[in-house]
Protein backbone atom coordinates (compact mmCIF):
# COMPACT_ATOMS: atom_id res chain seq x y z
CA MET A 1 0.06 -0.07 0.06
CA PRO A 2 1.61 3.21 -1.12
CA THR A 3 2.34 5.98 1.82
CA ALA A 4 1.06 9.32 1.73
CA PRO A 5 3.10 12.22 3.17
CA LEU A 6 2.16 14.44 6.02
CA GLN A 7 3.91 17.33 7.82
CA ALA A 8 3.99 17.92 12.23
CA ASN A 9 5.63 19.56 14.31
CA ALA A 10 6.98 18.50 17.87
CA ARG A 11 5.48 20.31 20.92
CA ASP A 12 6.17 20.40 24.43
CA ASP A 13 3.54 22.90 25.48
CA PHE A 14 0.38 20.92 27.24
CA GLY A 15 -2.69 20.92 28.33
CA LYS A 16 -5.98 22.86 27.67
CA GLY A 17 -4.77 26.07 27.31
CA ALA A 18 -1.81 25.14 24.85
CA ALA A 19 -4.50 23.06 22.96
CA ARG A 20 -6.95 26.22 22.68
CA LYS A 21 -4.08 28.60 21.52
CA LEU A 22 -2.78 25.84 19.12
CA ARG A 23 -6.40 25.29 17.65
CA ALA A 24 -6.98 29.06 17.48
CA THR A 25 -3.68 29.34 14.66
CA GLY A 26 -5.65 26.60 12.64
CA HIS A 27 -3.46 23.54 13.80
CA VAL A 28 -4.86 20.47 16.05
CA PRO A 29 -2.98 18.23 18.90
CA GLY A 30 -2.04 14.99 18.40
CA LEU A 31 0.26 12.07 19.98
CA ILE A 32 1.96 9.09 17.85
CA TYR A 33 1.93 5.88 20.03
CA ARG A 34 4.78 3.32 20.00
CA ALA A 35 4.79 0.50 21.47
CA GLY A 36 7.23 0.62 24.48
CA ASP A 37 7.67 4.14 24.35
CA PRO A 38 6.11 7.62 25.72
CA PRO A 39 3.90 9.20 23.07
CA LEU A 40 5.08 11.59 20.74
CA HIS A 41 3.29 14.97 20.80
CA ILE A 42 2.50 16.61 17.42
CA SER A 43 0.70 19.47 16.12
CA LEU A 44 -0.69 19.35 12.20
CA ASP A 45 -2.85 21.10 9.71
CA PRO A 46 -6.37 19.20 9.95
CA ALA A 47 -7.18 20.21 6.57
CA GLU A 48 -3.78 18.50 5.01
CA LEU A 49 -5.05 15.20 6.93
CA THR A 50 -8.47 15.59 5.83
CA LEU A 51 -7.63 16.12 2.22
CA ILE A 52 -5.67 12.83 2.53
CA PHE A 53 -8.31 10.29 3.43
CA ARG A 54 -10.66 12.36 0.81
CA ARG A 55 -8.41 11.24 -1.87
CA SER A 56 -7.64 7.95 -0.83
CA GLY A 57 -11.22 6.66 0.50
CA ASN A 58 -9.42 4.77 2.96
CA PHE A 59 -8.78 5.18 6.59
CA ASN A 60 -6.59 2.88 6.67
CA THR A 61 -3.74 4.70 4.92
CA ILE A 62 -0.35 4.30 5.42
CA LEU A 63 1.25 8.00 6.37
CA GLU A 64 4.63 9.04 6.47
CA ILE A 65 4.86 11.64 8.81
CA SER A 66 7.23 13.91 9.35
CA VAL A 67 8.38 15.33 12.71
CA ASP A 68 11.18 18.09 12.88
CA GLY A 69 12.90 16.22 9.60
CA GLN A 70 12.26 12.19 10.99
CA ALA A 71 9.92 10.37 9.07
CA ARG A 72 7.84 8.19 10.52
CA GLN A 73 4.99 5.68 9.44
CA CYS A 74 1.92 5.67 10.98
CA LEU A 75 -1.82 4.46 10.98
CA LEU A 76 -4.59 6.72 11.88
CA LYS A 77 -5.53 5.37 15.10
CA ASP A 78 -8.53 7.69 16.73
CA THR A 79 -9.69 11.11 16.34
CA GLN A 80 -11.86 13.81 18.54
CA LYS A 81 -14.18 15.91 16.65
CA HIS A 82 -16.00 19.42 18.00
CA PRO A 83 -19.83 18.09 18.80
CA VAL A 84 -21.05 20.80 17.01
CA SER A 85 -18.91 21.76 14.06
CA ARG A 86 -17.28 18.63 13.83
CA SER A 87 -14.19 19.94 12.92
CA LEU A 88 -11.29 17.64 14.13
CA VAL A 89 -9.61 19.05 17.96
CA HIS A 90 -7.46 16.21 18.44
CA VAL A 91 -5.88 13.29 16.52
CA ASP A 92 -4.16 9.68 17.73
CA PHE A 93 -1.75 7.74 15.34
CA VAL A 94 -0.09 4.85 15.86
CA GLU A 95 3.69 4.27 14.44
CA ILE A 96 4.03 0.94 12.50
CA ARG A 97 7.09 -1.25 10.80
CA GLY A 98 7.07 -2.88 7.85
CA ASP A 99 7.92 -6.26 8.95
CA GLU A 100 5.54 -6.11 12.32
CA GLN A 101 1.95 -7.17 11.77
CA VAL A 102 -1.13 -4.99 12.31
CA VAL A 103 -4.67 -5.20 13.28
CA VAL A 104 -6.95 -3.05 11.29
CA PHE A 105 -10.77 -2.81 10.62
CA VAL A 106 -11.42 -2.92 6.86
CA PRO A 107 -14.62 -2.45 5.42
CA VAL A 108 -16.84 -5.09 3.62
CA ARG A 109 -18.14 -4.64 0.02
CA PRO A 110 -20.32 -7.14 -1.61
CA HIS A 111 -19.99 -7.84 -4.89
CA GLY A 112 -22.62 -9.29 -7.54
CA ARG A 113 -26.25 -9.69 -7.51
CA ALA A 114 -27.57 -12.90 -5.01
CA LYS A 115 -29.73 -15.66 -6.17
CA GLY A 116 -32.28 -14.89 -3.37
CA MET A 117 -32.49 -11.12 -4.34
CA GLU A 118 -33.91 -12.48 -8.26
CA VAL A 119 -37.36 -14.05 -5.54
CA GLY A 120 -38.10 -11.17 -3.71
CA GLY A 121 -34.72 -11.32 -0.95
CA LYS A 122 -33.13 -8.06 0.33
CA LEU A 123 -29.37 -7.98 0.65
CA GLN A 124 -28.65 -7.47 4.63
CA LEU A 125 -25.12 -6.41 5.48
CA LEU A 126 -24.97 -7.64 8.95
CA ARG A 127 -20.80 -6.72 9.38
CA ARG A 128 -19.54 -3.14 7.74
CA GLU A 129 -16.19 -4.13 8.58
CA LEU A 130 -13.85 -7.05 9.34
CA LYS A 131 -10.87 -7.11 12.01
CA VAL A 132 -7.87 -8.22 9.85
CA ARG A 133 -4.04 -9.17 10.80
CA CYS A 134 -1.85 -8.32 8.20
CA LEU A 135 2.07 -6.68 7.36
CA PRO A 136 1.35 -2.95 7.00
CA ALA A 137 2.28 -3.33 3.03
CA ASP A 138 -0.43 -6.20 2.33
CA ILE A 139 -3.62 -4.13 4.27
CA PRO A 140 -6.47 -4.49 1.78
CA ALA A 141 -8.69 -1.40 0.61
CA GLU A 142 -11.58 -3.58 1.22
CA ILE A 143 -13.16 -7.56 1.86
CA PRO A 144 -14.99 -8.63 -1.58
CA VAL A 145 -17.55 -11.09 -0.61
CA ASP A 146 -19.37 -12.60 -3.91
CA ILE A 147 -22.91 -13.24 -2.91
CA ARG A 148 -24.03 -14.63 -5.91
CA SER A 149 -24.70 -17.87 -4.97
CA ILE A 150 -26.27 -16.73 -1.82
CA GLY A 151 -30.53 -17.77 -2.14
CA LEU A 152 -33.20 -16.52 -0.42
CA GLY A 153 -33.16 -16.98 3.69
CA GLU A 154 -29.15 -17.86 3.21
CA PHE A 155 -26.12 -16.20 4.82
CA ARG A 156 -22.33 -15.94 4.81
CA ARG A 157 -20.62 -16.35 8.19
CA ILE A 158 -17.14 -14.71 8.24
CA SER A 159 -15.53 -18.75 8.35
CA ASP A 160 -17.03 -18.63 5.16
CA LEU A 161 -15.01 -15.97 3.51
CA VAL A 162 -11.57 -16.00 1.86
CA PRO A 163 -9.34 -13.06 3.51
CA PRO A 164 -7.06 -11.66 1.14
CA GLN A 165 -3.31 -12.50 0.40
CA GLY A 166 -1.59 -12.31 3.30
CA CYS A 167 -4.40 -11.47 5.67
CA THR A 168 -6.22 -13.36 8.48
CA PHE A 169 -9.29 -12.52 9.84
CA VAL A 170 -9.69 -11.99 13.61
CA PHE A 171 -12.56 -12.78 15.50
CA ASP A 172 -13.59 -15.18 18.61
CA ASN A 173 -16.69 -16.32 17.79
CA ASP A 174 -18.28 -17.09 14.30
CA PHE A 175 -20.72 -14.71 12.98
CA ASN A 176 -23.05 -13.36 9.88
CA VAL A 177 -21.57 -10.86 7.97
CA VAL A 178 -24.24 -10.93 4.91
CA ALA A 179 -27.56 -12.22 4.11
CA ILE A 180 -30.44 -12.38 1.98
CA ALA A 181 -34.04 -12.02 3.87
CA GLY A 182 -37.80 -11.36 2.94
CA ARG A 183 -39.97 -13.30 1.46
CA ARG A 184 -40.10 -15.10 -1.73
CA ILE A 185 -41.87 -13.90 -4.66
CA ASP A 186 -43.58 -16.03 -7.05
CA ALA A 187 -43.42 -14.36 -10.75
CA ALA A 188 -46.25 -16.36 -12.20
CA ALA A 189 -48.51 -16.53 -8.99
CA SER A 190 -48.07 -12.93 -8.95
CA ASP A 191 -48.82 -12.15 -13.01
CA GLY A 192 -51.87 -13.98 -12.39
CA ASP A 193 -53.24 -12.35 -9.89
CA GLU A 194 -52.54 -8.92 -12.08
CA GLU A 195 -55.20 -10.69 -14.70
CA ASP A 196 -57.98 -11.51 -12.52
CA GLU A 197 -58.34 -7.77 -11.29
CA GLU A 198 -57.81 -6.97 -14.93
CA GLU A 199 -61.25 -9.25 -15.39
CA ALA A 200 -62.94 -8.29 -12.54
CA GLU A 201 -62.49 -4.50 -13.59
CA ALA A 202 -63.93 -5.21 -16.85
């Protein structure tokens, strides 16, 4: 997966007052976490970060954050937004290494048209994201699920799915991911009812 560059500055002025002053300049505070090390306090331009994810459409985009000349590869961990304006007020990242596996949530994308939908069934996406473990370079943009063979009243569990190359699904208990629900529509019976109604009107 390609990386996206992001500029940031280290900061040593903490607390709510310092954060308010920082936001007044158009920047937001953030933290970079690394296992075994204290977090690194940074500031960044939220518009730059938002643009990266708007372009990629993938919240698992690997960010190459340059802090005072040192590049760190990171994933977005968490964001805090203003309750009214919904603008970013704080951002957390986790630093990663290319040879260490990460655990991320990846969106599910159904593909095709299910057999059950041809007879009146409706697609139910029961899990919009699945937890995946893989190396950073193998992070998939989506989990494709071929639904063409799913009949009315049938479902697919996570154990039925094939993970993308280099990935494994992370789950404790098996669960349904997609299902085709609804009542069967009998096309022949439906046509007959319509003919009867037309004859009655005549």
